[in-house]
Structures are given as C-alpha cells and as structure tokens.
Amino acid sequence: MHSVSSYYSSYYYSDDEGAKSPSPRAGRRSRDAAKPSREEGRVNKASKTSKTTTGGSKTAMAGTGGADGNAGISTAEKYRKARAAHASGDVEAMRAAHAAHVENHAEAGSYVKALVFGGLDGIVTTFAVVAGVAGANLSTGIVLVLGLANLIADGLSMGVGEFVSGKAELEFMRSERKREEWEVDHAIEHEKQEMVELYTAKGMTEDDAVTVVDIISKDPKLFVDIMMVEELGLNPDDENESPAKQGLVMFFSFLIFGAVPLVAYIVSRLAGVGGKGGVDANFAVSCAMTAVTLFILGAFKQHISMHGKIGSIIKGGLIMVLNGGVSASAAFFVGLFLRFLIEEDSDAA
C-alpha cells in the first residue's frame, strides 16, 4: 500500500511548462472507475423509472416551504426545527425543515449564549448575596447596598470579560486565516496533500480524497474555510460576530436578570414599607420571583440548545431552579453561621 504522500505526488506530474496536470496513470484509473459494470448498468436503468415517478413528489415537497411556514426562516430556526423533528422521530418534519429557504441575514442567535449565560449568572449571584444577608439577619438597606454593588461590579466584569475573550478569539481566527491563505498562495500542493491525509484518516479512499480536494481547492476561499474547520477546528462563521455586541449583551443581561432578586426590596423601600430584614416578606417574594425567572431561563436555554420536547424543557427549567436554590442555601447558611459567631464574640466582650 503506497503512502498518501507518494500517491498524491504520482497523481500529478509536471508537463514541459511546469503546470500540474493529472498523470496518465491517474487518467486511466479515473476512466476505469467511471465505467459502470453490467450489474451497475442494470441497477441504474431500473432506478430511472423510480426516480421519474418520485421526482414530482420531491419537487412538491421542496416547494411546500411557504405553506408550512418555513420560507424565509433563519438558520437558527431551521436547525431548531430539525432538532425537534429528530427528537420526535418525525421524518416529514425533518424533510420540511431541510427544504426550507434560509435567508442570508445576521443571526440574533449568535448572541443567545451571552444573553442566557449573563442572565443566569446575574440572577444566581445576586440571589446568593440576598440569601447571605438574610441569613445574617441584616437590614433591608444592607441588602440593597450589597446587592446593587455586586450587580454593577459583576455586570461590568462579565461584560468586559466577554468582550476581551471574544476579541482575542476573533484575532486568533483572523491570524490563522491569513496564515492559511498565505500557505495556499505559496504551497497549495502541500496544503492539498494535508487535506487528502485528513480525509483518508477519516475513512475515505485515496482516490475519493484526491477528487474531493481537487474540487474544493478550485475556490481558494472555500478551500481555506474548510481547512480552518478540518485542521484547526475553527468555525469561519464566527468571524462575523462582534465582541463588543456580545459584551454589551452579557452586561445588560446580567443587570436585568440580576436585578430580579432585588425588586421586592426596591419596591418596599420606595413605598416606605421597608421591612424588618432577615427572613421577612421581602425575602419570600424575592425567592418566588427568582425561582420563576430561573425556571424560564433554564427552559429557554434547553429549548434553543437541545430539543423541543416539553419534558426536556421542563427538566431544564427545574435544573436551573435547583442550581439557584443550592447556591442560595449555601450563602444563607454561611450568613447564618457568621451571624452566630459575631453574636458570640459580642456576648463574650
């Protein structure tokens, strides 16, 4: 068995003018492979009738995008429907999803991760502060001071962190693209050989790998895009994302959802009702509002990332409620423990 490197070298030979063209051996191999056997001929002939009769139904199915509400959908919506079809085992729904026309416009879905992650982190962090202060039996004013200070500081930190990490990733991706483009310009045969080796390692035959690489390398941009995915594990579509927008989405999501545990305290303070602090009515309302919001965020996260099954969505919401409850309970008991320590020190003094 000859190596891929020697195979790829023999597949091409230099003519008198130095241009690369298929070798005679490769040409004969391609022509032999292109000739159908008698058995294949009979199978192909028999399948023509089937293709003719099913062609109309396939065309009709592809044209039902508008009737099914799939025409002009976004890429995120298309794959959401495909995931839901897979989860339910609905083959027709899967075909309808793939037959839909996808509009080529900016995807709001690229910022969903920052929205959900920022919201979850904001509400859990702030609620933990509220629970800790309640466990320590401190006043409503202290809840607001610590809660709002944590909300602003953590929100800024999360937003800036998302921006910096996104910018670093984007810069790395662009530098790798420039390197790949430079290598394609100056050593395309070497790059093609690397791609052949990658495809043969995945199980393709050498003939098929060479054919595929020859086809995709005719378009330099497409070739570089595929190399970034296959060689580096980078998604070229991520280059269109804006780190600044992602940072802003993270920041405002953290602020908005993180303020939920403080709403009851803010309203009671503005109404002049106040509260005795500790485990009071404000804390009970805060717990209820936080639990509902956590459930909604968890269910939404499960809905967009996994399946459309109701059971799976409910499970995602309950997991987030459990996560918030465990975090808040830990903070509450830490506050309670520190309160006893402080009271003992005061009594001893």
Protein backbone atom coordinates (compact mmCIF):
# COMPACT_ATOMS: atom_id res chain seq x y z
CA MET A 1 0.00 0.00 0.00
CA HIS A 2 1.60 3.23 -1.11
CA SER A 3 1.52 6.25 1.18
CA VAL A 4 -0.80 9.18 0.63
CA SER A 5 2.19 11.43 0.03
CA SER A 6 3.61 9.25 -2.75
CA TYR A 7 0.14 8.72 -4.16
CA TYR A 8 -0.61 12.42 -4.31
CA SER A 9 2.77 13.10 -5.90
CA SER A 10 2.16 10.44 -8.55
CA TYR A 11 -1.35 11.69 -9.17
CA TYR A 12 0.12 14.85 -10.60
CA TYR A 13 3.07 15.29 -12.92
CA SER A 14 4.72 18.37 -14.32
CA ASP A 15 4.44 18.92 -18.05
CA ASP A 16 7.02 20.79 -20.11
CA GLU A 17 5.69 24.14 -18.98
CA GLY A 18 5.76 23.23 -15.28
CA ALA A 19 1.98 23.11 -14.88
CA LYS A 20 0.43 20.41 -12.77
CA SER A 21 -1.93 18.05 -14.57
CA PRO A 22 -3.26 14.56 -13.94
CA SER A 23 -0.80 11.80 -14.76
CA PRO A 24 -1.68 9.22 -17.46
CA ARG A 25 -1.94 6.55 -14.76
CA ALA A 26 -4.44 8.67 -12.82
CA GLY A 27 -6.36 9.34 -16.02
CA ARG A 28 -6.68 5.63 -16.80
CA ARG A 29 -7.72 4.93 -13.23
CA SER A 30 -10.40 7.66 -13.40
CA ARG A 31 -11.74 6.37 -16.74
CA ASP A 32 -11.86 2.80 -15.47
CA ALA A 33 -13.65 3.93 -12.33
CA ALA A 34 -16.12 5.91 -14.41
CA LYS A 35 -17.16 2.87 -16.49
CA PRO A 36 -20.17 1.20 -14.90
CA SER A 37 -20.26 -2.56 -14.66
CA ARG A 38 -23.06 -4.53 -16.32
CA GLU A 39 -24.72 -5.05 -12.96
CA GLU A 40 -24.50 -1.32 -12.16
CA GLY A 41 -25.99 -0.58 -15.57
CA ARG A 42 -28.99 -2.78 -14.90
CA VAL A 43 -29.47 -1.21 -11.46
CA ASN A 44 -29.22 2.32 -12.85
CA LYS A 45 -31.66 1.51 -15.64
CA ALA A 46 -34.13 0.04 -13.19
CA SER A 47 -33.84 3.03 -10.87
CA LYS A 48 -34.61 5.60 -13.59
CA THR A 49 -38.29 4.73 -13.50
CA SER A 50 -38.35 5.10 -9.72
CA LYS A 51 -36.61 8.48 -9.92
CA THR A 52 -39.04 9.67 -12.57
CA THR A 53 -42.08 8.77 -10.50
CA THR A 54 -40.69 10.19 -7.28
CA GLY A 55 -39.23 13.33 -8.78
CA GLY A 56 -42.55 15.13 -8.83
CA SER A 57 -43.27 14.40 -5.20
CA LYS A 58 -39.79 15.58 -4.17
CA THR A 59 -40.25 18.80 -6.08
CA ALA A 60 -43.62 19.32 -4.48
CA MET A 61 -42.17 18.64 -1.07
CA ALA A 62 -39.36 21.14 -1.62
CA GLY A 63 -41.86 23.71 -2.71
CA THR A 64 -44.00 23.45 0.38
CA GLY A 65 -41.74 25.68 2.42
CA GLY A 66 -44.11 28.61 2.24
CA ALA A 67 -47.17 26.53 3.05
CA ASP A 68 -45.50 25.06 6.10
CA GLY A 69 -44.28 28.41 7.30
CA ASN A 70 -40.62 27.56 6.61
CA ALA A 71 -39.98 30.02 3.78
CA GLY A 72 -37.54 32.74 4.68
CA ILE A 73 -36.59 31.29 8.06
CA SER A 74 -33.26 31.90 9.77
CA THR A 75 -30.52 29.29 10.06
CA ALA A 76 -31.09 29.03 13.82
CA GLU A 77 -34.82 28.43 13.28
CA LYS A 78 -34.12 25.83 10.60
CA TYR A 79 -31.87 23.78 12.85
CA ARG A 80 -34.21 24.23 15.80
CA LYS A 81 -36.96 22.60 13.73
CA ALA A 82 -34.57 19.87 12.58
CA ARG A 83 -33.61 19.09 16.20
CA ALA A 84 -37.26 18.97 17.22
CA ALA A 85 -38.01 16.60 14.32
CA HIS A 86 -35.13 14.34 15.35
CA ALA A 87 -36.28 14.32 18.97
CA SER A 88 -39.80 13.27 17.96
CA GLY A 89 -38.71 10.94 15.14
CA ASP A 90 -40.82 12.89 12.63
CA VAL A 91 -39.23 12.24 9.22
CA GLU A 92 -41.63 14.52 7.33
CA ALA A 93 -40.92 17.43 9.68
CA MET A 94 -37.20 16.84 9.17
CA ARG A 95 -37.59 16.94 5.38
CA ALA A 96 -39.69 20.10 5.60
CA ALA A 97 -37.05 21.78 7.76
CA HIS A 98 -34.26 20.98 5.30
CA ALA A 99 -36.41 22.03 2.33
CA ALA A 100 -36.93 25.49 3.80
CA HIS A 101 -35.32 28.53 2.22
CA VAL A 102 -32.84 30.16 4.58
CA GLU A 103 -32.49 33.91 4.49
CA ASN A 104 -28.90 35.13 4.50
CA HIS A 105 -29.02 37.78 7.19
CA ALA A 106 -27.34 38.48 10.53
CA GLU A 107 -28.31 35.98 13.18
CA ALA A 108 -29.51 37.19 16.56
CA GLY A 109 -28.91 33.62 17.66
CA SER A 110 -25.17 34.23 17.84
CA TYR A 111 -25.78 36.36 20.97
CA VAL A 112 -28.15 33.95 22.70
CA LYS A 113 -25.28 32.31 24.58
CA ALA A 114 -24.21 35.65 26.08
CA LEU A 115 -27.84 36.51 26.87
CA VAL A 116 -28.63 33.26 28.68
CA PHE A 117 -25.26 32.88 30.41
CA GLY A 118 -25.27 36.51 31.57
CA GLY A 119 -28.83 36.25 32.83
CA LEU A 120 -28.26 33.03 34.74
CA ASP A 121 -25.03 34.23 36.30
CA GLY A 122 -26.58 37.57 37.23
CA ILE A 123 -29.68 36.24 38.94
CA VAL A 124 -27.89 33.42 40.80
CA THR A 125 -25.07 35.68 42.02
CA THR A 126 -27.39 38.44 43.24
CA PHE A 127 -29.80 35.99 44.86
CA ALA A 128 -26.87 34.41 46.71
CA VAL A 129 -25.98 37.85 48.10
CA VAL A 130 -29.59 38.42 49.17
CA ALA A 131 -29.76 34.99 50.81
CA GLY A 132 -26.48 35.52 52.63
CA VAL A 133 -27.62 38.86 54.02
CA ALA A 134 -30.97 37.34 55.03
CA GLY A 135 -29.18 34.52 56.83
CA ALA A 136 -27.12 37.09 58.73
CA ASN A 137 -30.39 38.86 59.67
CA LEU A 138 -29.21 42.21 58.35
CA SER A 139 -31.44 45.13 57.40
CA THR A 140 -33.14 45.80 54.07
CA GLY A 141 -30.79 48.71 53.43
CA ILE A 142 -27.76 46.44 53.64
CA VAL A 143 -29.43 44.00 51.22
CA LEU A 144 -29.81 46.82 48.69
CA VAL A 145 -26.29 48.18 49.20
CA LEU A 146 -24.57 44.82 48.82
CA GLY A 147 -26.93 43.59 46.11
CA LEU A 148 -26.67 46.66 43.88
CA ALA A 149 -22.91 46.95 44.37
CA ASN A 150 -22.48 43.30 43.41
CA LEU A 151 -24.85 43.72 40.47
CA ILE A 152 -22.97 46.65 38.90
CA ALA A 153 -19.46 45.37 39.62
CA ASP A 154 -20.09 41.81 38.45
CA GLY A 155 -22.06 43.01 35.42
CA LEU A 156 -19.16 45.18 34.28
CA SER A 157 -16.70 42.38 34.93
CA MET A 158 -18.75 39.86 32.95
CA GLY A 159 -19.34 42.26 30.05
CA VAL A 160 -15.69 43.27 29.75
CA GLY A 161 -14.60 39.65 30.13
CA GLU A 162 -16.90 38.56 27.31
CA PHE A 163 -15.59 41.37 25.09
CA VAL A 164 -11.92 40.63 25.80
CA SER A 165 -12.24 36.87 25.30
CA GLY A 166 -14.31 37.32 22.14
CA LYS A 167 -11.82 39.81 20.73
CA ALA A 168 -8.88 37.51 21.46
CA GLU A 169 -10.66 34.60 19.78
CA LEU A 170 -11.53 36.73 16.77
CA GLU A 171 -7.96 37.99 16.39
CA PHE A 172 -6.62 34.44 16.61
CA MET A 173 -9.09 33.28 13.97
CA ARG A 174 -8.15 36.09 11.59
CA SER A 175 -4.43 35.48 12.06
CA GLU A 176 -4.92 31.78 11.30
CA ARG A 177 -6.93 32.65 8.19
CA LYS A 178 -4.13 34.91 6.94
CA ARG A 179 -1.59 32.15 7.55
CA GLU A 180 -3.68 29.58 5.69
CA GLU A 181 -4.25 31.99 2.79
CA TRP A 182 -0.50 32.66 2.59
CA GLU A 183 0.26 28.93 2.57
CA VAL A 184 -2.34 28.32 -0.15
CA ASP A 185 -0.80 31.08 -2.26
CA HIS A 186 2.73 29.71 -1.93
CA ALA A 187 2.38 25.96 -1.31
CA ILE A 188 -1.05 24.81 -2.40
CA GLU A 189 0.14 21.31 -3.31
CA HIS A 190 1.35 20.80 0.26
CA GLU A 191 -1.99 22.04 1.63
CA LYS A 192 -3.88 19.74 -0.71
CA GLN A 193 -1.76 16.81 0.41
CA GLU A 194 -2.54 17.62 4.07
CA MET A 195 -6.25 17.65 3.33
CA VAL A 196 -6.01 14.31 1.49
CA GLU A 197 -4.30 12.82 4.55
CA LEU A 198 -7.04 14.18 6.81
CA TYR A 199 -9.82 12.71 4.68
CA THR A 200 -8.12 9.32 4.30
CA ALA A 201 -7.64 9.24 8.08
CA LYS A 202 -11.43 9.63 8.36
CA GLY A 203 -12.00 6.60 6.15
CA MET A 204 -12.16 7.97 2.60
CA THR A 205 -10.30 6.16 -0.16
CA GLU A 206 -7.27 7.93 -1.58
CA ASP A 207 -8.92 8.32 -4.98
CA ASP A 208 -12.01 9.92 -3.46
CA ALA A 209 -9.96 12.16 -1.17
CA VAL A 210 -7.87 13.45 -4.07
CA THR A 211 -11.00 14.10 -6.12
CA VAL A 212 -12.71 15.99 -3.30
CA VAL A 213 -9.63 18.10 -2.54
CA ASP A 214 -9.14 18.93 -6.22
CA ILE A 215 -12.73 20.17 -6.45
CA ILE A 216 -12.79 22.32 -3.31
CA SER A 217 -9.33 23.78 -3.96
CA LYS A 218 -10.63 25.41 -7.15
CA ASP A 219 -12.21 28.05 -4.89
CA PRO A 220 -9.41 29.45 -2.66
CA LYS A 221 -11.79 30.99 -0.09
CA LEU A 222 -13.81 27.79 0.21
CA PHE A 223 -10.60 25.79 0.50
CA VAL A 224 -9.31 27.99 3.32
CA ASP A 225 -12.69 27.85 5.11
CA ILE A 226 -12.68 24.05 5.02
CA MET A 227 -9.06 23.87 6.15
CA MET A 228 -9.87 26.06 9.15
CA VAL A 229 -12.62 23.65 10.15
CA GLU A 230 -10.81 20.39 9.41
CA GLU A 231 -7.29 21.33 10.53
CA LEU A 232 -7.87 23.90 13.27
CA GLY A 233 -11.41 23.23 14.48
CA LEU A 234 -12.39 26.87 13.88
CA ASN A 235 -15.77 27.95 12.50
CA PRO A 236 -15.32 30.66 9.83
CA ASP A 237 -18.83 31.98 10.56
CA ASP A 238 -17.62 33.10 13.99
CA GLU A 239 -15.52 35.77 12.28
CA ASN A 240 -18.73 37.71 11.61
CA GLU A 241 -19.57 38.08 15.30
CA SER A 242 -18.96 41.33 17.16
CA PRO A 243 -17.14 41.03 20.52
CA ALA A 244 -18.41 44.50 21.50
CA LYS A 245 -22.04 43.48 20.95
CA GLN A 246 -21.51 40.23 22.82
CA GLY A 247 -20.03 42.14 25.75
CA LEU A 248 -22.97 44.56 25.82
CA VAL A 249 -25.49 41.72 25.64
CA MET A 250 -23.72 39.99 28.52
CA PHE A 251 -23.63 43.20 30.60
CA PHE A 252 -27.29 44.18 30.15
CA SER A 253 -28.50 40.60 30.54
CA PHE A 254 -26.59 40.38 33.83
CA LEU A 255 -28.09 43.69 35.03
CA ILE A 256 -31.69 42.96 34.02
CA PHE A 257 -31.96 39.40 35.32
CA GLY A 258 -29.65 40.08 38.25
CA ALA A 259 -32.00 42.81 39.47
CA VAL A 260 -34.90 40.36 39.86
CA PRO A 261 -33.99 39.25 43.43
CA LEU A 262 -33.80 42.92 44.46
CA VAL A 263 -37.15 44.03 43.02
CA ALA A 264 -39.14 43.27 46.18
CA TYR A 265 -36.66 45.18 48.35
CA ILE A 266 -36.57 48.17 45.97
CA VAL A 267 -40.39 48.37 45.75
CA SER A 268 -40.86 48.12 49.51
CA ARG A 269 -38.22 50.78 50.07
CA LEU A 270 -39.82 53.18 47.56
CA ALA A 271 -43.26 52.53 49.07
CA GLY A 272 -41.95 53.37 52.51
CA VAL A 273 -42.87 49.96 53.84
CA GLY A 274 -39.33 48.90 54.47
CA GLY A 275 -39.04 45.55 56.20
CA LYS A 276 -37.53 44.10 59.31
CA GLY A 277 -34.74 42.44 57.37
CA GLY A 278 -33.59 38.85 57.55
CA VAL A 279 -36.19 36.26 56.58
CA ASP A 280 -39.15 38.58 56.03
CA ALA A 281 -41.87 39.08 53.41
CA ASN A 282 -39.42 40.76 51.05
CA PHE A 283 -37.17 37.72 51.15
CA ALA A 284 -40.11 35.38 50.48
CA VAL A 285 -41.20 37.43 47.44
CA SER A 286 -37.60 37.55 46.23
CA CYS A 287 -37.35 33.75 46.46
CA ALA A 288 -40.56 33.28 44.46
CA MET A 289 -39.62 35.76 41.72
CA THR A 290 -36.13 34.31 41.43
CA ALA A 291 -37.42 30.74 41.18
CA VAL A 292 -39.87 31.65 38.39
CA THR A 293 -37.22 33.58 36.45
CA LEU A 294 -34.67 30.78 36.83
CA PHE A 295 -37.21 28.27 35.54
CA ILE A 296 -37.96 30.44 32.49
CA LEU A 297 -34.27 30.94 31.70
CA GLY A 298 -33.47 27.26 32.13
CA ALA A 299 -36.41 26.20 29.98
CA PHE A 300 -35.44 28.71 27.28
CA LYS A 301 -31.83 27.51 27.32
CA GLN A 302 -32.97 23.90 26.91
CA HIS A 303 -35.40 24.87 24.16
CA ILE A 304 -32.82 26.60 21.97
CA SER A 305 -29.90 24.26 22.58
CA MET A 306 -31.36 20.77 22.66
CA HIS A 307 -34.84 19.50 21.83
CA GLY A 308 -38.37 20.72 21.50
CA LYS A 309 -39.83 18.09 23.85
CA ILE A 310 -41.92 19.53 26.68
CA GLY A 311 -40.44 17.11 29.19
CA SER A 312 -36.90 18.12 28.28
CA ILE A 313 -37.76 21.83 28.51
CA ILE A 314 -39.37 21.42 31.95
CA LYS A 315 -36.36 19.42 33.12
CA GLY A 316 -34.03 22.21 32.00
CA GLY A 317 -36.05 24.77 33.96
CA LEU A 318 -36.13 22.64 37.11
CA ILE A 319 -32.37 22.05 36.96
CA MET A 320 -31.76 25.80 36.93
CA VAL A 321 -34.12 26.31 39.88
CA LEU A 322 -32.24 23.59 41.76
CA ASN A 323 -28.91 25.22 40.89
CA GLY A 324 -30.08 28.60 42.19
CA GLY A 325 -31.58 27.01 45.29
CA VAL A 326 -28.37 25.19 46.20
CA SER A 327 -26.26 28.33 45.71
CA ALA A 328 -28.63 30.49 47.75
CA SER A 329 -28.89 27.88 50.51
CA ALA A 330 -25.11 27.75 50.82
CA ALA A 331 -24.95 31.56 51.06
CA PHE A 332 -27.82 31.64 53.57
CA PHE A 333 -26.19 29.16 55.95
CA VAL A 334 -22.82 30.89 55.66
CA GLY A 335 -24.53 34.16 56.66
CA LEU A 336 -26.33 32.38 59.49
CA PHE A 337 -23.09 30.82 60.77
CA LEU A 338 -21.21 34.13 60.67
CA ARG A 339 -24.07 35.82 62.49
CA PHE A 340 -23.78 33.34 65.38
CA LEU A 341 -20.01 33.84 65.50
CA ILE A 342 -20.39 37.61 65.65
CA GLU A 343 -23.09 37.40 68.34
CA GLU A 344 -20.91 35.10 70.46
CA ASP A 345 -17.98 37.49 70.17
CA SER A 346 -20.25 40.37 71.19
CA ASP A 347 -21.55 38.45 74.20
CA ALA A 348 -18.03 37.50 75.23
CA ALA A 349 -16.92 41.12 75.04
